[in-house]
């Protein structure tokens, strides 16, 4: 049978959960910020989306379509800034193991190994029950 240290897996799960909780607490304070090239528009982004918009009085002299375009572009930059800060924090908290793609592969491998162990154990237990039925005549 496979050698799976369930206590070690449980300990790793608890450590991962503690790091995830730390990440959640710190992520609530993260923001991404961006400012248009001319400084007329500034946007702040957080995990809930756009958290702030500052329009310099000069922005009010811009054509409405131009202003809308600048606001959207600046919001995208702020969102990207937030994403970079979030990724940096995730790597800081989880290290290289913070990459979801890598973690997903590792978790799938561990689940497959645990499933194999479970299947082998179930097969052995079923065979043992069959042997016991033969011995006891049921």
C-alpha atoms as a PDB file:
ATOM      1  CA  UNK A   1       0.000   0.000   0.000  1.00  0.00           C
ATOM      2  CA  UNK A   2       1.044   3.627  -0.512  1.00  0.00           C
ATOM      3  CA  UNK A   3       2.743   5.395   2.336  1.00  0.00           C
ATOM      4  CA  UNK A   4       0.658   8.440   3.107  1.00  0.00           C
ATOM      5  CA  UNK A   5       1.373  10.231   6.345  1.00  0.00           C
ATOM      6  CA  UNK A   6      -2.130  11.436   7.187  1.00  0.00           C
ATOM      7  CA  UNK A   7      -0.884  13.373  10.206  1.00  0.00           C
ATOM      8  CA  UNK A   8       1.613  15.209   8.019  1.00  0.00           C
ATOM      9  CA  UNK A   9      -1.105  15.950   5.452  1.00  0.00           C
ATOM     10  CA  UNK A  10      -3.343  17.276   8.220  1.00  0.00           C
ATOM     11  CA  UNK A  11      -0.520  19.388   9.636  1.00  0.00           C
ATOM     12  CA  UNK A  12       0.201  20.813   6.158  1.00  0.00           C
ATOM     13  CA  UNK A  13      -3.494  21.563   5.716  1.00  0.00           C
ATOM     14  CA  UNK A  14      -3.574  23.446   9.037  1.00  0.00           C
ATOM     15  CA  UNK A  15      -0.456  25.420   8.081  1.00  0.00           C
ATOM     16  CA  UNK A  16      -1.960  26.234   4.697  1.00  0.00           C
ATOM     17  CA  UNK A  17      -5.181  27.369   6.356  1.00  0.00           C
ATOM     18  CA  UNK A  18      -3.266  29.596   8.790  1.00  0.00           C
ATOM     19  CA  UNK A  19      -1.368  31.188   5.898  1.00  0.00           C
ATOM     20  CA  UNK A  20      -4.610  31.626   3.949  1.00  0.00           C
ATOM     21  CA  UNK A  21      -6.184  33.386   6.933  1.00  0.00           C
ATOM     22  CA  UNK A  22      -3.121  35.652   7.234  1.00  0.00           C
ATOM     23  CA  UNK A  23      -3.363  36.398   3.537  1.00  0.00           C
ATOM     24  CA  UNK A  24      -7.053  37.211   3.828  1.00  0.00           C
ATOM     25  CA  UNK A  25      -6.424  39.623   6.695  1.00  0.00           C
ATOM     26  CA  UNK A  26      -3.639  41.448   4.889  1.00  0.00           C
ATOM     27  CA  UNK A  27      -5.363  41.413   1.495  1.00  0.00           C
ATOM     28  CA  UNK A  28      -8.180  43.527   2.896  1.00  0.00           C
ATOM     29  CA  UNK A  29      -5.788  46.472   3.104  1.00  0.00           C
ATOM     30  CA  UNK A  30      -4.333  46.138  -0.387  1.00  0.00           C
ATOM     31  CA  UNK A  31      -5.006  48.763  -3.002  1.00  0.00           C
ATOM     32  CA  UNK A  32      -3.904  49.418  -6.513  1.00  0.00           C
ATOM     33  CA  UNK A  33      -3.586  52.972  -7.705  1.00  0.00           C
ATOM     34  CA  UNK A  34      -3.145  54.624 -11.061  1.00  0.00           C
ATOM     35  CA  UNK A  35      -3.106  58.136 -12.388  1.00  0.00           C
ATOM     36  CA  UNK A  36      -3.621  59.348 -15.934  1.00  0.00           C
ATOM     37  CA  UNK A  37      -0.571  60.693 -17.749  1.00  0.00           C
ATOM     38  CA  UNK A  38      -1.742  64.270 -17.328  1.00  0.00           C
ATOM     39  CA  UNK A  39      -2.688  63.767 -13.645  1.00  0.00           C
ATOM     40  CA  UNK A  40      -6.309  64.735 -14.220  1.00  0.00           C
ATOM     41  CA  UNK A  41      -7.742  61.333 -13.261  1.00  0.00           C
ATOM     42  CA  UNK A  42      -6.685  59.043 -10.401  1.00  0.00           C
ATOM     43  CA  UNK A  43      -8.279  55.712  -9.486  1.00  0.00           C
ATOM     44  CA  UNK A  44      -7.911  53.486  -6.436  1.00  0.00           C
ATOM     45  CA  UNK A  45      -8.821  49.802  -6.725  1.00  0.00           C
ATOM     46  CA  UNK A  46      -9.314  47.211  -3.977  1.00  0.00           C
ATOM     47  CA  UNK A  47     -10.681  43.684  -3.806  1.00  0.00           C
ATOM     48  CA  UNK A  48     -14.226  45.004  -4.107  1.00  0.00           C
ATOM     49  CA  UNK A  49     -13.458  46.938  -7.282  1.00  0.00           C
ATOM     50  CA  UNK A  50     -13.094  50.661  -7.824  1.00  0.00           C
ATOM     51  CA  UNK A  51     -12.704  52.193  -4.389  1.00  0.00           C
ATOM     52  CA  UNK A  52     -11.946  55.752  -5.360  1.00  0.00           C
ATOM     53  CA  UNK A  53     -11.992  58.195  -8.229  1.00  0.00           C
ATOM     54  CA  UNK A  54     -10.352  61.603  -8.120  1.00  0.00           C
ATOM     55  CA  UNK A  55     -10.994  64.089 -10.888  1.00  0.00           C
ATOM     56  CA  UNK A  56      -8.826  67.159 -11.071  1.00  0.00           C
ATOM     57  CA  UNK A  57     -10.925  70.265 -11.881  1.00  0.00           C
ATOM     58  CA  UNK A  58      -9.142  70.405 -15.255  1.00  0.00           C
ATOM     59  CA  UNK A  59     -10.724  67.044 -16.118  1.00  0.00           C
ATOM     60  CA  UNK A  60     -14.126  68.719 -16.181  1.00  0.00           C
ATOM     61  CA  UNK A  61     -13.006  70.697 -19.238  1.00  0.00           C
ATOM     62  CA  UNK A  62     -12.434  67.480 -21.210  1.00  0.00           C
ATOM     63  CA  UNK A  63     -15.015  66.199 -23.675  1.00  0.00           C
ATOM     64  CA  UNK A  64     -17.243  63.617 -21.992  1.00  0.00           C
ATOM     65  CA  UNK A  65     -16.140  60.774 -24.305  1.00  0.00           C
ATOM     66  CA  UNK A  66     -12.462  61.600 -23.756  1.00  0.00           C
ATOM     67  CA  UNK A  67     -12.975  61.776 -19.995  1.00  0.00           C
ATOM     68  CA  UNK A  68     -14.792  58.434 -20.000  1.00  0.00           C
ATOM     69  CA  UNK A  69     -11.975  56.828 -21.993  1.00  0.00           C
ATOM     70  CA  UNK A  70      -9.342  58.174 -19.590  1.00  0.00           C
ATOM     71  CA  UNK A  71     -11.321  56.994 -16.557  1.00  0.00           C
ATOM     72  CA  UNK A  72     -11.719  53.478 -17.981  1.00  0.00           C
ATOM     73  CA  UNK A  73      -8.030  53.248 -18.948  1.00  0.00           C
ATOM     74  CA  UNK A  74      -6.920  54.522 -15.544  1.00  0.00           C
ATOM     75  CA  UNK A  75      -9.262  52.099 -13.779  1.00  0.00           C
ATOM     76  CA  UNK A  76      -7.732  49.218 -15.758  1.00  0.00           C
ATOM     77  CA  UNK A  77      -4.251  50.325 -14.716  1.00  0.00           C
ATOM     78  CA  UNK A  78      -5.349  50.542 -11.072  1.00  0.00           C
ATOM     79  CA  UNK A  79      -6.905  47.072 -11.268  1.00  0.00           C
ATOM     80  CA  UNK A  80      -3.670  45.690 -12.738  1.00  0.00           C
ATOM     81  CA  UNK A  81      -1.686  47.417  -9.985  1.00  0.00           C
ATOM     82  CA  UNK A  82      -3.967  45.792  -7.399  1.00  0.00           C
ATOM     83  CA  UNK A  83      -3.491  42.382  -9.047  1.00  0.00           C
ATOM     84  CA  UNK A  84       0.311  42.761  -8.944  1.00  0.00           C
ATOM     85  CA  UNK A  85       0.216  43.743  -5.257  1.00  0.00           C
ATOM     86  CA  UNK A  86      -2.095  40.804  -4.544  1.00  0.00           C
ATOM     87  CA  UNK A  87       0.214  38.368  -6.364  1.00  0.00           C
ATOM     88  CA  UNK A  88       3.235  39.759  -4.493  1.00  0.00           C
ATOM     89  CA  UNK A  89       1.458  39.311  -1.169  1.00  0.00           C
ATOM     90  CA  UNK A  90       0.390  35.766  -2.055  1.00  0.00           C
ATOM     91  CA  UNK A  91       4.011  34.876  -2.920  1.00  0.00           C
ATOM     92  CA  UNK A  92       5.205  36.525   0.298  1.00  0.00           C
ATOM     93  CA  UNK A  93       2.780  34.497   2.412  1.00  0.00           C
ATOM     94  CA  UNK A  94       2.964  31.179   0.551  1.00  0.00           C
ATOM     95  CA  UNK A  95       6.380  31.381  -1.106  1.00  0.00           C
ATOM     96  CA  UNK A  96       6.787  29.481  -4.345  1.00  0.00           C
ATOM     97  CA  UNK A  97       4.015  27.159  -3.229  1.00  0.00           C
ATOM     98  CA  UNK A  98       1.602  30.064  -3.659  1.00  0.00           C
ATOM     99  CA  UNK A  99       1.228  29.411  -7.371  1.00  0.00           C
ATOM    100  CA  UNK A 100      -2.308  27.995  -7.751  1.00  0.00           C
ATOM    101  CA  UNK A 101      -1.378  25.956 -10.845  1.00  0.00           C
ATOM    102  CA  UNK A 102       1.478  24.224  -9.041  1.00  0.00           C
ATOM    103  CA  UNK A 103      -0.611  23.702  -5.917  1.00  0.00           C
ATOM    104  CA  UNK A 104      -3.490  22.282  -7.929  1.00  0.00           C
ATOM    105  CA  UNK A 105      -1.225  19.663  -9.524  1.00  0.00           C
ATOM    106  CA  UNK A 106       0.251  18.749  -6.146  1.00  0.00           C
ATOM    107  CA  UNK A 107      -3.188  18.473  -4.556  1.00  0.00           C
ATOM    108  CA  UNK A 108      -4.466  16.323  -7.431  1.00  0.00           C
ATOM    109  CA  UNK A 109      -1.497  13.976  -7.017  1.00  0.00           C
ATOM    110  CA  UNK A 110      -2.066  13.691  -3.255  1.00  0.00           C
ATOM    111  CA  UNK A 111      -5.800  13.106  -3.730  1.00  0.00           C
ATOM    112  CA  UNK A 112      -5.099  10.418  -6.343  1.00  0.00           C
ATOM    113  CA  UNK A 113      -2.647   8.740  -3.976  1.00  0.00           C
ATOM    114  CA  UNK A 114      -5.134   8.905  -1.095  1.00  0.00           C
ATOM    115  CA  UNK A 115      -7.885   7.514  -3.361  1.00  0.00           C
ATOM    116  CA  UNK A 116      -5.642   4.611  -4.378  1.00  0.00           C
ATOM    117  CA  UNK A 117      -4.862   3.869  -0.736  1.00  0.00           C
ATOM    118  CA  UNK A 118      -8.554   4.007   0.155  1.00  0.00           C
ATOM    119  CA  UNK A 119      -9.462   1.692  -2.741  1.00  0.00           C
ATOM    120  CA  UNK A 120      -6.788  -0.824  -1.706  1.00  0.00           C
ATOM    121  CA  UNK A 121      -7.932  -0.719   1.907  1.00  0.00           C
ATOM    122  CA  UNK A 122     -11.578  -1.166   0.898  1.00  0.00           C
ATOM    123  CA  UNK A 123     -10.683  -4.091  -1.384  1.00  0.00           C
ATOM    124  CA  UNK A 124      -8.688  -5.743   1.428  1.00  0.00           C
ATOM    125  CA  UNK A 125     -11.501  -5.201   3.933  1.00  0.00           C
ATOM    126  CA  UNK A 126     -14.077  -6.615   1.503  1.00  0.00           C
ATOM    127  CA  UNK A 127     -11.918  -9.688   0.916  1.00  0.00           C
ATOM    128  CA  UNK A 128     -11.495 -10.135   4.662  1.00  0.00           C
ATOM    129  CA  UNK A 129     -15.271  -9.936   5.171  1.00  0.00           C
ATOM    130  CA  UNK A 130     -15.751 -12.537   2.443  1.00  0.00           C
ATOM    131  CA  UNK A 131     -13.272 -14.843   4.164  1.00  0.00           C
ATOM    132  CA  UNK A 132     -15.063 -14.351   7.485  1.00  0.00           C
ATOM    133  CA  UNK A 133     -18.429 -15.207   5.897  1.00  0.00           C
ATOM    134  CA  UNK A 134     -16.968 -18.431   4.563  1.00  0.00           C
ATOM    135  CA  UNK A 135     -15.522 -19.339   7.957  1.00  0.00           C
ATOM    136  CA  UNK A 136     -18.713 -18.513   9.885  1.00  0.00           C
ATOM    137  CA  UNK A 137     -21.069 -19.904   7.262  1.00  0.00           C
ATOM    138  CA  UNK A 138     -23.006 -16.812   6.318  1.00  0.00           C
END
